[in-house]
Amino acid sequence: MSIQLTVAILLLLSAIGFWMGRSRAVAVSGGRIASLHSVPGYYGAFAAIWAGLPALLLVLFWLVLQAPVIETLVLNGMSPESVLTWARAALAPTELERVSGPIAVQAADALGETQRQLLLINIRNLAAGQEAYVNPAVVEALRPAAAHYDDLQRIAGWSVFAVCMALAAGGLMLTRRLIAPRFRARNNVERVVVWALVVCSIIAILTTVGIVLSLLYESVRFFAYVPVTDFLFGLHWSPQTAIRADQVGSSGAFGAIPLFTGTLLISAVAMAVALPVGLLSAIYLAEYAPRRVRSTVKPVLEILAGIPTVVYGFFAILTVAPVIRNLGVDLGLDVSSNSALAAGVVMGIMIVPFISSLSDDVINAVPQSLRDGSYGLGATRSETIRQVILPAALPGIVGAFLLAVSRAIGETMIVVMAAGMAANLTVNPLAAVTTVTVQIAALLTGDQEFESAKTLSAFALGLVLFFVTLVLNVVALRVVQKYREKYD
């Protein structure tokens, strides 16, 4: 029995429980709904929760434990002869010589973690019927283990199904007995909802903590190779390290200043385009545009937010970059084929809907009484917008601006296609530059060895970028708090 089918049946039983609980509540009320402590829907929700939630929690718990439990049982059940046959075909001679002796006594326990995972991959492929992906020399030796793996999965699936059905049936019978006119169904349902919200909040916090800790751990490993000062204040970025000491470029340069400069340069160009265009378009749509124009222009403007970034990259490299280059040639300027200006302009166009849509919503949320009071004092529409509406909407506009800045800093595809990947230390928008996110993507592309400074530098870049974003959030929060106290 598959987990997916078990979950589907549990959801069906929860729906049945909702119908049963609601019907039972109506029945025990004798047709007088007002005599119930809660509306019938709460009784249905209470029955649905107890019919599905305990069993679903069991399924989630088993999904966490399934792989390690079954894999441990399979490996412990393998004979030393089977493990040794697999090792002779899969391991290098030096590895085989080191583990062949212990295998005769400990079987799979003599293998290292990487070797155990490789053995399990072969067993899982054989159990799934993908014999073509397994070395023919070890198929017969691993067939009993694959059969054992398949049997354990089948037994586990049916066992989980049986226990879940028992829990669901018990939940339905229990809730049916509890449903009565004075039963506080709403309180019980809301208590479960509150706990669910608490659990979701804890998961979000733990996820953030896990991300930060993973970045810190890998960054500390990187800084064991490269000093922090060289990374933060170095002026040259060339992470291409050689394998042998006699090769050219055997010691890479990990100065991140060119990457941060390129990121800030492109983001500044993008915001110089997006902020005035987005904010002014929001002011027009909210305060000046007729209803018919607004209902047409706003959806069309928001279509820009749904265009894939790779399409913007094509537009930048095929249209915007040649126009900027030709214009620069006409003016006698030295313009690179890939430039920060081209990437920033297109990125700004992409960000316009974020600022425009959010700012429009914030401006429309300003109370009409503020407008009426300004008009009553003799202010014109433009004066009201400048001196009343925009200051009142400033917290939301700052939030929109922060979202746009974060979007600009995190963009990768447009920069790769329009600005290139050259780590140049320059503030000239007509030159080719690169950004932090582009280098992170380049460093982690393909099969990488996580023991080299080159790969670990991506985590150090991510950690610095995380703290930069955190500082932006703190500054924006301070601005929002200051003006919210003033205009609330």
Protein backbone atom coordinates (compact mmCIF):
# COMPACT_ATOMS: atom_id res chain seq x y z
CA MET A 1 0.00 0.00 0.00
CA SER A 2 1.53 3.30 -1.09
CA ILE A 3 1.71 6.32 1.19
CA GLN A 4 -0.05 8.44 -1.44
CA LEU A 5 -3.09 6.14 -1.47
CA THR A 6 -3.13 6.05 2.33
CA VAL A 7 -3.16 9.86 2.50
CA ALA A 8 -5.91 10.03 -0.14
CA ILE A 9 -8.10 7.62 1.86
CA LEU A 10 -7.46 9.61 5.04
CA LEU A 11 -8.56 12.81 3.33
CA LEU A 12 -11.70 11.04 2.14
CA LEU A 13 -12.40 9.82 5.68
CA SER A 14 -11.90 13.37 6.96
CA ALA A 15 -14.50 14.60 4.48
CA ILE A 16 -16.85 11.85 5.61
CA GLY A 17 -16.12 12.84 9.21
CA PHE A 18 -17.05 16.44 8.48
CA TRP A 19 -20.37 15.40 6.98
CA MET A 20 -21.03 12.96 9.82
CA GLY A 21 -20.17 15.48 12.54
CA ARG A 22 -22.29 18.18 11.02
CA SER A 23 -25.25 15.83 10.53
CA ARG A 24 -24.89 14.49 14.05
CA ALA A 25 -24.92 18.02 15.50
CA VAL A 26 -28.10 18.87 13.62
CA ALA A 27 -29.67 15.60 14.76
CA VAL A 28 -28.88 16.04 18.48
CA SER A 29 -30.20 19.61 18.37
CA GLY A 30 -33.64 18.34 17.46
CA GLY A 31 -33.85 20.85 14.65
CA ARG A 32 -33.10 23.80 16.98
CA ILE A 33 -29.66 24.97 15.82
CA ALA A 34 -29.71 27.77 18.40
CA SER A 35 -29.49 25.16 21.19
CA LEU A 36 -26.00 24.14 20.01
CA HIS A 37 -22.95 25.72 21.61
CA SER A 38 -21.30 26.09 18.18
CA VAL A 39 -22.57 26.22 14.63
CA PRO A 40 -22.82 22.76 12.97
CA GLY A 41 -19.78 23.41 10.81
CA TYR A 42 -17.54 23.43 13.89
CA TYR A 43 -18.83 19.98 14.90
CA GLY A 44 -18.04 18.75 11.40
CA ALA A 45 -14.57 20.28 11.54
CA PHE A 46 -13.96 18.67 14.94
CA ALA A 47 -14.86 15.25 13.57
CA ALA A 48 -12.76 15.79 10.44
CA ILE A 49 -9.73 16.77 12.51
CA TRP A 50 -9.87 13.70 14.73
CA ALA A 51 -10.55 11.43 11.76
CA GLY A 52 -7.52 12.60 9.78
CA LEU A 53 -5.00 14.53 11.88
CA PRO A 54 -3.62 11.75 14.16
CA ALA A 55 -3.23 9.38 11.22
CA LEU A 56 -1.61 12.05 9.05
CA LEU A 57 0.85 12.82 11.82
CA LEU A 58 1.70 9.11 11.96
CA VAL A 59 2.27 9.09 8.19
CA LEU A 60 4.55 12.13 8.49
CA PHE A 61 6.48 10.50 11.33
CA TRP A 62 6.93 7.32 9.30
CA LEU A 63 8.10 9.21 6.23
CA VAL A 64 10.93 10.63 8.35
CA LEU A 65 11.94 7.24 9.74
CA GLN A 66 11.15 4.99 6.77
CA ALA A 67 14.39 5.27 4.84
CA PRO A 68 16.89 4.86 7.72
CA VAL A 69 14.92 2.03 9.35
CA ILE A 70 14.41 -0.05 6.21
CA GLU A 71 17.92 0.58 4.88
CA THR A 72 19.49 -0.41 8.20
CA LEU A 73 17.48 -3.64 8.32
CA VAL A 74 18.43 -4.49 4.74
CA LEU A 75 22.14 -3.87 5.25
CA ASN A 76 22.19 -5.80 8.53
CA GLY A 77 20.51 -8.73 6.81
CA MET A 78 23.08 -9.02 4.02
CA SER A 79 25.57 -11.86 4.13
CA PRO A 80 29.32 -11.12 4.09
CA GLU A 81 29.63 -13.00 0.77
CA SER A 82 27.11 -10.70 -0.94
CA VAL A 83 28.77 -7.55 0.38
CA LEU A 84 32.23 -8.79 -0.62
CA THR A 85 31.02 -9.67 -4.14
CA TRP A 86 29.61 -6.18 -4.53
CA ALA A 87 32.77 -4.58 -3.11
CA ARG A 88 35.03 -6.43 -5.54
CA ALA A 89 33.02 -5.08 -8.48
CA ALA A 90 32.34 -1.54 -7.26
CA LEU A 91 35.31 -0.42 -5.18
CA ALA A 92 38.78 0.64 -6.21
CA PRO A 93 41.61 -1.80 -5.35
CA THR A 94 42.91 0.41 -2.54
CA GLU A 95 39.45 0.68 -0.94
CA LEU A 96 38.82 -3.03 -1.39
CA GLU A 97 42.09 -3.96 0.29
CA ARG A 98 41.20 -1.80 3.27
CA VAL A 99 37.68 -3.20 3.86
CA SER A 100 37.83 -6.77 2.50
CA GLY A 101 39.05 -8.19 5.82
CA PRO A 102 36.44 -6.48 8.07
CA ILE A 103 33.66 -7.38 5.59
CA ALA A 104 34.15 -11.08 6.34
CA VAL A 105 33.19 -10.38 9.95
CA GLN A 106 31.01 -7.24 9.96
CA ALA A 107 29.48 -7.39 6.45
CA ALA A 108 28.00 -4.00 5.48
CA ASP A 109 29.05 -2.39 8.78
CA ALA A 110 32.66 -2.50 7.56
CA LEU A 111 31.85 -0.08 4.72
CA GLY A 112 32.23 3.66 4.97
CA GLU A 113 29.24 6.00 4.67
CA THR A 114 29.86 6.78 1.00
CA GLN A 115 30.29 3.07 0.20
CA ARG A 116 27.09 2.18 2.09
CA GLN A 117 25.13 4.80 0.13
CA LEU A 118 26.52 3.43 -3.15
CA LEU A 119 25.48 -0.09 -2.13
CA LEU A 120 21.98 1.11 -1.19
CA ILE A 121 21.60 2.84 -4.55
CA ASN A 122 22.29 -0.48 -6.28
CA ILE A 123 19.80 -2.27 -4.04
CA ARG A 124 17.09 0.33 -4.59
CA ASN A 125 17.58 0.26 -8.37
CA LEU A 126 17.34 -3.53 -8.39
CA ALA A 127 14.22 -3.47 -6.17
CA ALA A 128 12.60 -0.95 -8.52
CA GLY A 129 13.22 -3.19 -11.53
CA GLN A 130 15.93 -0.94 -12.98
CA GLU A 131 18.43 -3.74 -13.45
CA ALA A 132 20.07 -1.90 -16.34
CA TYR A 133 21.52 0.62 -13.87
CA VAL A 134 23.23 -2.10 -11.81
CA ASN A 135 26.56 -3.74 -12.58
CA PRO A 136 25.70 -7.18 -14.07
CA ALA A 137 28.47 -8.76 -12.00
CA VAL A 138 26.66 -7.97 -8.74
CA VAL A 139 23.01 -8.46 -9.74
CA GLU A 140 22.69 -12.02 -8.42
CA ALA A 141 24.59 -11.17 -5.22
CA LEU A 142 22.28 -8.24 -4.48
CA ARG A 143 19.01 -9.86 -5.55
CA PRO A 144 18.20 -11.27 -2.06
CA ALA A 145 18.83 -7.87 -0.50
CA ALA A 146 16.61 -6.21 -3.13
CA ALA A 147 13.85 -8.73 -2.41
CA HIS A 148 14.24 -8.08 1.32
CA TYR A 149 14.05 -4.32 0.68
CA ASP A 150 10.89 -4.76 -1.38
CA ASP A 151 9.29 -7.00 1.27
CA LEU A 152 10.05 -4.53 4.06
CA GLN A 153 8.56 -1.65 2.09
CA ARG A 154 5.42 -3.63 1.36
CA ILE A 155 5.03 -4.73 4.99
CA ALA A 156 5.66 -1.21 6.23
CA GLY A 157 3.15 0.25 3.78
CA TRP A 158 0.36 -2.13 4.80
CA SER A 159 1.19 -1.74 8.50
CA VAL A 160 1.01 2.05 8.30
CA PHE A 161 -2.23 1.76 6.34
CA ALA A 162 -3.79 -0.53 8.93
CA VAL A 163 -2.77 1.65 11.88
CA CYS A 164 -3.97 4.81 10.10
CA MET A 165 -7.34 3.27 9.33
CA ALA A 166 -7.67 2.17 12.96
CA LEU A 167 -6.84 5.67 14.17
CA ALA A 168 -9.30 7.24 11.72
CA ALA A 169 -12.08 4.84 12.71
CA GLY A 170 -11.38 5.43 16.39
CA GLY A 171 -11.45 9.18 15.85
CA LEU A 172 -14.80 8.98 14.07
CA MET A 173 -16.37 6.86 16.82
CA LEU A 174 -14.97 9.08 19.57
CA THR A 175 -16.21 12.33 18.03
CA ARG A 176 -19.64 10.81 17.37
CA ARG A 177 -19.98 10.03 21.05
CA LEU A 178 -18.75 13.46 22.14
CA ILE A 179 -21.06 15.52 19.94
CA ALA A 180 -23.82 16.99 22.11
CA PRO A 181 -25.63 20.35 22.26
CA ARG A 182 -23.35 21.71 25.01
CA PHE A 183 -20.12 20.32 23.57
CA ARG A 184 -17.69 23.19 22.89
CA ALA A 185 -16.74 22.23 19.35
CA ARG A 186 -15.60 25.71 18.36
CA ASN A 187 -13.18 25.97 21.27
CA ASN A 188 -11.62 22.60 20.45
CA VAL A 189 -11.29 23.38 16.75
CA GLU A 190 -9.77 26.79 17.41
CA ARG A 191 -7.33 25.25 19.88
CA VAL A 192 -6.12 22.86 17.19
CA VAL A 193 -5.84 25.73 14.69
CA VAL A 194 -3.79 27.77 17.16
CA TRP A 195 -1.40 24.86 17.69
CA ALA A 196 -1.13 24.39 13.93
CA LEU A 197 -0.20 28.06 13.56
CA VAL A 198 2.39 27.71 16.34
CA VAL A 199 3.91 24.68 14.63
CA CYS A 200 4.06 26.51 11.29
CA SER A 201 5.74 29.46 12.98
CA ILE A 202 8.28 27.18 14.64
CA ILE A 203 8.99 25.48 11.30
CA ALA A 204 9.57 28.87 9.67
CA ILE A 205 11.92 29.93 12.48
CA LEU A 206 13.81 26.64 12.42
CA THR A 207 14.14 26.86 8.65
CA THR A 208 15.68 30.31 8.96
CA VAL A 209 17.99 29.13 11.72
CA GLY A 210 18.98 26.11 9.62
CA ILE A 211 19.81 28.29 6.63
CA VAL A 212 21.92 30.63 8.75
CA LEU A 213 23.74 27.76 10.49
CA SER A 214 24.47 26.00 7.20
CA LEU A 215 25.87 29.21 5.76
CA LEU A 216 27.93 29.83 8.89
CA TYR A 217 29.31 26.29 8.98
CA GLU A 218 30.44 26.28 5.36
CA SER A 219 31.69 29.86 5.60
CA VAL A 220 33.86 28.98 8.60
CA ARG A 221 35.34 26.15 6.54
CA PHE A 222 36.06 28.62 3.74
CA PHE A 223 37.69 31.13 6.06
CA ALA A 224 40.04 28.36 7.18
CA TYR A 225 41.49 28.57 3.64
CA VAL A 226 41.12 32.31 3.01
CA PRO A 227 41.44 35.05 5.67
CA VAL A 228 38.31 37.09 6.33
CA THR A 229 40.07 40.35 5.56
CA ASP A 230 41.29 39.08 2.18
CA PHE A 231 37.73 38.07 1.31
CA LEU A 232 35.94 41.22 2.48
CA PHE A 233 38.51 43.76 1.34
CA GLY A 234 40.30 42.00 -1.51
CA LEU A 235 40.17 43.74 -4.90
CA HIS A 236 40.61 40.70 -7.15
CA TRP A 237 38.21 37.82 -7.69
CA SER A 238 39.52 34.73 -9.48
CA PRO A 239 38.35 31.54 -7.75
CA GLN A 240 39.75 29.23 -10.44
CA THR A 241 42.25 27.21 -8.44
CA ALA A 242 44.43 24.60 -10.09
CA ILE A 243 44.66 20.97 -9.05
CA ARG A 244 48.47 20.86 -9.05
CA ALA A 245 50.78 23.47 -7.59
CA ASP A 246 52.77 23.78 -10.80
CA GLN A 247 49.74 24.83 -12.85
CA VAL A 248 48.96 28.43 -13.74
CA GLY A 249 46.54 29.98 -11.26
CA SER A 250 47.35 27.49 -8.54
CA SER A 251 46.31 30.02 -5.88
CA GLY A 252 42.97 31.72 -6.51
CA ALA A 253 42.06 35.27 -5.58
CA PHE A 254 38.95 35.60 -3.42
CA GLY A 255 38.54 39.34 -2.96
CA ALA A 256 34.78 39.98 -3.05
CA ILE A 257 34.85 43.77 -3.49
CA PRO A 258 34.40 43.53 -7.32
CA LEU A 259 31.32 41.34 -6.84
CA PHE A 260 29.70 43.65 -4.30
CA THR A 261 30.52 46.67 -6.43
CA GLY A 262 28.94 45.07 -9.49
CA THR A 263 25.86 44.07 -7.48
CA LEU A 264 25.38 47.59 -6.13
CA LEU A 265 26.02 49.18 -9.54
CA ILE A 266 23.45 47.09 -11.39
CA SER A 267 20.94 47.40 -8.53
CA ALA A 268 21.41 51.20 -8.50
CA VAL A 269 20.76 51.43 -12.23
CA ALA A 270 17.71 49.17 -11.89
CA MET A 271 16.26 51.22 -9.05
CA ALA A 272 16.97 54.48 -10.89
CA VAL A 273 14.66 53.14 -13.61
CA ALA A 274 12.08 51.28 -11.53
CA LEU A 275 11.50 53.68 -8.63
CA PRO A 276 10.40 56.81 -10.52
CA VAL A 277 8.52 54.89 -13.20
CA GLY A 278 6.79 52.57 -10.72
CA LEU A 279 5.94 55.25 -8.19
CA LEU A 280 4.70 57.81 -10.72
CA SER A 281 2.61 55.21 -12.52
CA ALA A 282 1.09 54.19 -9.16
CA ILE A 283 0.25 57.84 -8.39
CA TYR A 284 -1.36 58.26 -11.80
CA LEU A 285 -3.42 55.07 -11.54
CA ALA A 286 -4.52 55.81 -7.97
CA GLU A 287 -5.22 59.55 -8.17
CA TYR A 288 -5.59 60.70 -11.78
CA ALA A 289 -6.60 57.84 -14.06
CA PRO A 290 -10.29 57.35 -14.89
CA ARG A 291 -11.80 54.06 -13.76
CA ARG A 292 -11.83 52.63 -17.30
CA VAL A 293 -8.17 53.51 -17.88
CA ARG A 294 -7.17 52.09 -14.51
CA SER A 295 -8.99 48.80 -15.08
CA THR A 296 -7.10 48.39 -18.37
CA VAL A 297 -3.63 49.74 -17.59
CA LYS A 298 -3.12 48.10 -14.18
CA PRO A 299 -3.54 44.47 -15.39
CA VAL A 300 -1.38 45.17 -18.45
CA LEU A 301 1.33 46.65 -16.23
CA GLU A 302 1.23 43.66 -13.91
CA ILE A 303 1.75 41.30 -16.85
CA LEU A 304 5.40 42.38 -16.71
CA ALA A 305 5.72 40.60 -13.36
CA GLY A 306 4.77 37.28 -14.95
CA ILE A 307 7.33 37.31 -17.76
CA PRO A 308 10.19 34.84 -17.09
CA THR A 309 13.52 36.46 -16.34
CA VAL A 310 15.19 34.55 -19.17
CA VAL A 311 12.89 36.41 -21.59
CA TYR A 312 14.07 39.69 -20.09
CA GLY A 313 17.61 38.40 -20.60
CA PHE A 314 16.92 37.80 -24.29
CA PHE A 315 15.41 41.27 -24.58
CA ALA A 316 18.47 42.78 -22.90
CA ILE A 317 21.08 41.01 -25.01
CA LEU A 318 19.24 41.28 -28.36
CA THR A 319 17.67 44.74 -28.10
CA VAL A 320 18.81 46.94 -25.23
CA ALA A 321 22.53 46.10 -25.23
CA PRO A 322 22.99 46.76 -29.00
CA VAL A 323 21.09 50.05 -28.73
CA ILE A 324 23.27 51.21 -25.84
CA ARG A 325 26.44 50.07 -27.61
CA ASN A 326 25.53 51.81 -30.89
CA LEU A 327 24.53 54.97 -29.06
CA GLY A 328 27.83 54.92 -27.18
CA VAL A 329 29.77 54.52 -30.43
CA ASP A 330 27.93 57.49 -31.92
CA LEU A 331 28.90 59.56 -28.88
CA GLY A 332 32.49 58.37 -28.96
CA LEU A 333 32.21 56.30 -25.78
CA ASP A 334 33.77 52.91 -25.13
CA VAL A 335 30.78 50.65 -24.41
CA SER A 336 31.19 46.95 -23.69
CA SER A 337 28.96 44.41 -25.45
CA ASN A 338 27.85 43.30 -22.00
CA SER A 339 27.32 46.27 -19.72
CA ALA A 340 25.90 47.03 -16.31
CA LEU A 341 23.70 49.70 -17.88
CA ALA A 342 21.93 47.23 -20.19
CA ALA A 343 21.35 44.74 -17.37
CA GLY A 344 20.21 47.47 -14.97
CA VAL A 345 17.76 49.06 -17.40
CA VAL A 346 16.07 45.76 -18.23
CA MET A 347 16.06 44.73 -14.59
CA GLY A 348 14.42 48.05 -13.73
CA ILE A 349 11.68 47.37 -16.29
CA MET A 350 11.15 43.98 -14.70
CA ILE A 351 10.86 45.50 -11.20
CA VAL A 352 8.40 48.27 -12.16
CA PRO A 353 5.28 46.11 -11.45
CA PHE A 354 6.49 45.33 -7.92
CA ILE A 355 6.78 49.00 -6.98
CA SER A 356 3.77 50.14 -9.00
CA SER A 357 1.31 47.52 -7.77
CA LEU A 358 2.29 47.69 -4.11
CA SER A 359 2.49 51.48 -4.07
CA ASP A 360 -0.90 51.72 -5.79
CA ASP A 361 -2.48 49.52 -3.13
CA VAL A 362 -0.86 51.54 -0.34
CA ILE A 363 -1.96 54.89 -1.80
CA ASN A 364 -5.52 53.62 -2.19
CA ALA A 365 -5.44 52.51 1.45
CA VAL A 366 -4.87 56.09 2.67
CA PRO A 367 -8.15 57.21 4.33
CA GLN A 368 -10.33 59.43 2.19
CA SER A 369 -10.75 61.73 5.18
CA LEU A 370 -7.14 62.88 4.80
CA ARG A 371 -7.81 63.89 1.20
CA ASP A 372 -11.04 65.63 2.11
CA GLY A 373 -9.36 67.54 4.92
CA SER A 374 -6.58 68.70 2.59
CA TYR A 375 -9.05 69.80 -0.07
CA GLY A 376 -11.09 71.56 2.60
CA LEU A 377 -8.04 73.64 3.55
CA GLY A 378 -7.68 74.77 -0.06
CA ALA A 379 -4.90 72.46 -1.24
CA THR A 380 -4.78 71.40 -4.87
CA ARG A 381 -4.69 67.77 -5.95
CA SER A 382 -0.93 67.82 -6.56
CA GLU A 383 -0.30 69.49 -3.18
CA THR A 384 -2.50 66.90 -1.48
CA ILE A 385 -0.53 64.09 -3.12
CA ARG A 386 2.86 65.57 -2.21
CA GLN A 387 2.14 66.74 1.31
CA VAL A 388 -0.56 64.37 2.59
CA ILE A 389 -0.98 61.16 0.63
CA LEU A 390 2.67 60.29 -0.04
CA PRO A 391 3.80 60.95 3.57
CA ALA A 392 0.90 58.87 4.88
CA ALA A 393 1.67 56.05 2.46
CA LEU A 394 5.44 56.22 3.00
CA PRO A 395 5.71 53.04 5.15
CA GLY A 396 4.10 50.96 2.40
CA ILE A 397 6.15 52.65 -0.31
CA VAL A 398 9.33 51.91 1.64
CA GLY A 399 8.22 48.28 1.87
CA ALA A 400 7.67 48.16 -1.89
CA PHE A 401 11.07 49.75 -2.46
CA LEU A 402 12.72 47.20 -0.17
CA LEU A 403 11.03 44.34 -2.01
CA ALA A 404 12.25 45.77 -5.30
CA VAL A 405 15.82 46.14 -4.00
CA SER A 406 15.82 42.54 -2.78
CA ARG A 407 14.52 41.43 -6.17
CA ALA A 408 17.27 43.36 -7.92
CA ILE A 409 20.03 42.01 -5.68
CA GLY A 410 18.85 38.43 -6.14
CA GLU A 411 18.44 38.50 -9.92
CA THR A 412 20.80 36.19 -11.82
CA MET A 413 19.65 35.38 -15.36
CA ILE A 414 19.48 38.93 -16.68
CA VAL A 415 22.95 39.69 -15.32
CA VAL A 416 24.46 36.57 -16.86
CA MET A 417 23.04 37.35 -20.29
CA ALA A 418 23.39 41.15 -20.35
CA ALA A 419 26.28 42.04 -18.02
CA GLY A 420 28.47 38.95 -18.30
CA MET A 421 30.51 37.16 -15.66
CA ALA A 422 33.67 39.28 -15.59
CA ALA A 423 34.53 40.39 -12.05
CA ASN A 424 35.69 43.93 -12.86
CA LEU A 425 36.16 46.49 -10.12
CA THR A 426 34.55 49.54 -11.70
CA VAL A 427 31.70 51.97 -11.21
CA ASN A 428 31.41 52.61 -14.95
CA PRO A 429 27.92 51.45 -16.01
CA LEU A 430 29.18 51.01 -19.59
CA ALA A 431 31.62 48.24 -18.54
CA ALA A 432 30.98 44.54 -18.04
CA VAL A 433 30.54 43.49 -14.40
CA THR A 434 29.11 40.58 -12.46
CA THR A 435 27.14 40.13 -9.24
CA VAL A 436 27.24 37.98 -6.13
CA THR A 437 24.32 35.78 -7.17
CA VAL A 438 25.84 35.09 -10.60
CA GLN A 439 29.07 33.92 -9.01
CA ILE A 440 27.22 31.74 -6.50
CA ALA A 441 25.36 30.06 -9.36
CA ALA A 442 28.59 29.59 -11.33
CA LEU A 443 30.49 28.18 -8.35
CA LEU A 444 27.81 25.62 -7.49
CA THR A 445 27.00 24.47 -11.03
CA GLY A 446 27.79 20.86 -11.84
CA ASP A 447 29.63 18.30 -9.72
CA GLN A 448 31.61 20.17 -7.10
CA GLU A 449 34.09 19.12 -4.45
CA PHE A 450 33.04 20.67 -1.15
CA GLU A 451 36.55 20.54 0.24
CA SER A 452 37.95 23.28 -2.00
CA ALA A 453 38.01 27.00 -1.30
CA LYS A 454 36.46 27.65 -4.72
CA THR A 455 33.19 25.87 -3.87
CA LEU A 456 33.07 27.01 -0.24
CA SER A 457 33.43 30.64 -1.32
CA ALA A 458 29.83 30.50 -2.58
CA PHE A 459 28.62 30.06 1.01
CA ALA A 460 30.73 32.96 2.20
CA LEU A 461 29.18 35.14 -0.51
CA GLY A 462 25.72 33.96 0.51
CA LEU A 463 26.42 34.76 4.16
CA VAL A 464 27.51 38.32 3.37
CA LEU A 465 24.51 38.78 1.10
CA PHE A 466 22.26 37.54 3.92
CA PHE A 467 23.62 40.14 6.32
CA VAL A 468 23.30 42.90 3.70
CA THR A 469 19.63 42.00 3.21
CA LEU A 470 19.15 41.89 6.99
CA VAL A 471 20.56 45.41 7.33
CA LEU A 472 18.21 46.64 4.58
CA ASN A 473 15.26 45.11 6.43
CA VAL A 474 16.25 46.71 9.72
CA VAL A 475 16.67 50.14 8.14
CA ALA A 476 13.31 49.87 6.37
CA LEU A 477 11.64 48.75 9.60
CA ARG A 478 12.99 51.80 11.41
CA VAL A 479 11.65 54.10 8.69
CA VAL A 480 8.26 52.41 8.74
CA GLN A 481 7.99 52.65 12.53
CA LYS A 482 8.96 56.30 12.57
CA TYR A 483 6.39 57.45 10.02
CA ARG A 484 3.68 55.08 11.17
CA GLU A 485 3.77 56.70 14.61
CA LYS A 486 3.44 60.07 12.92
CA TYR A 487 0.50 59.36 10.64
CA ASP A 488 -1.55 56.66 12.41
